[in-house]
Amino acid sequence: MLSGTLITLLGAGLWGLNAVVSKYLMARGIDTMWMVNFRMITSGFALLIFAFIKNRRGLFDIWKDRASVIRLLIIALFAFGLCQPTYYLSIDYSNAGIASVIQQTAPVFVLIYVIIKERRKPTVAELSALALVIAGSFLISTHGDISALAVHPVALISGLVSALCCALYITLPSDLIKRYGTLETVGWGLFVGGIFTAPFCKLWNFPAQWDATLIAGMIFIILPGAACAFALFLYGTSIVGPVRGGVYNLFEPVTALVASVLLLSQSFHPTEIGGIIAILAGIAILTVAKEKTN
């Protein structure tokens, strides 16, 4: 169990570090949309390589069923193709810590969807989680002053759009994952989503100036920060279980916050810290409550 915990935390931590390294690359002049698109295609390709090593014969099975292909294309375009650019746009206009926390509100959108779909009243735990997430978002975006918006509107809106896309990612691919596997579904989703968005991100316009630091940063966000992080987190969660995996996933924004302060010398307002704690507490309550009802 200890090994599963460490593996899961490592995967979540790599995701958090990925956001910080991406922010550094943006500060060095790498175009945000180009970087996102390049990362999607290459990390998706890496996941497909992992899937091929794991199950050579089943890699292309998802393309043999018409209904699966249609669903995969919808997922690739909306859940993957839109999620990544909006998340990185939020990082670009704020910082890695805040963008990661805003994206962690995705389970709230899933909860609202489930409540509406099942036509039931929310539980006390669910209402408590929603209240904490709303309060946390208010503190982060206004610093407690209702007349002022402390976070850039583009960062807030794009972060919430990314969270909504993450909610689609959580709900839409479940049938495909059960049928074809996680690595295959997510790998094809990222790769095809990257192909869809390549014309808009001008993937062919490679940055003119490169140095060892920029190359190392790009390698990190593609392999450790994306492909390896995803594989580690899934493997760890299979050991510790979904409830602990969901809670351990909160290590991602915490890592992003700490790394932003230590590596990028960014400062945070006290109300932002309070808002981050409130959102993480709300998501943790929601995750634990959901597991108890299963």
Foldseek 3Di string as FASTA:
>chain_A
DVVLLVLQLLLLLLQQVLQQLLLVLVVVPDDQLLLLLVLLQLLLVVLLVVVCVVPVVQLCVQVVDPVSVVLLLVLLAQLALLLRSLLSQLCNQAHSLVLVLLLLCLVLLLVVVVCVVVVHDDDPLNVLLVVLLVLLLCCQQAVPDPVHGPGPPSNNVSSNSSSPSNNCVVPRCPVVCVVRNDSSSSSSSSNVSSVVCCVVSVNVPDDDDDDPSSVVSSVSCNPSNRNSSVVSNVVSCVVVDQLSSQLSSLSSSVSNVVCCCVPVVDDDDPSNVVSSVSNSVSSNSVSVVVVVVD
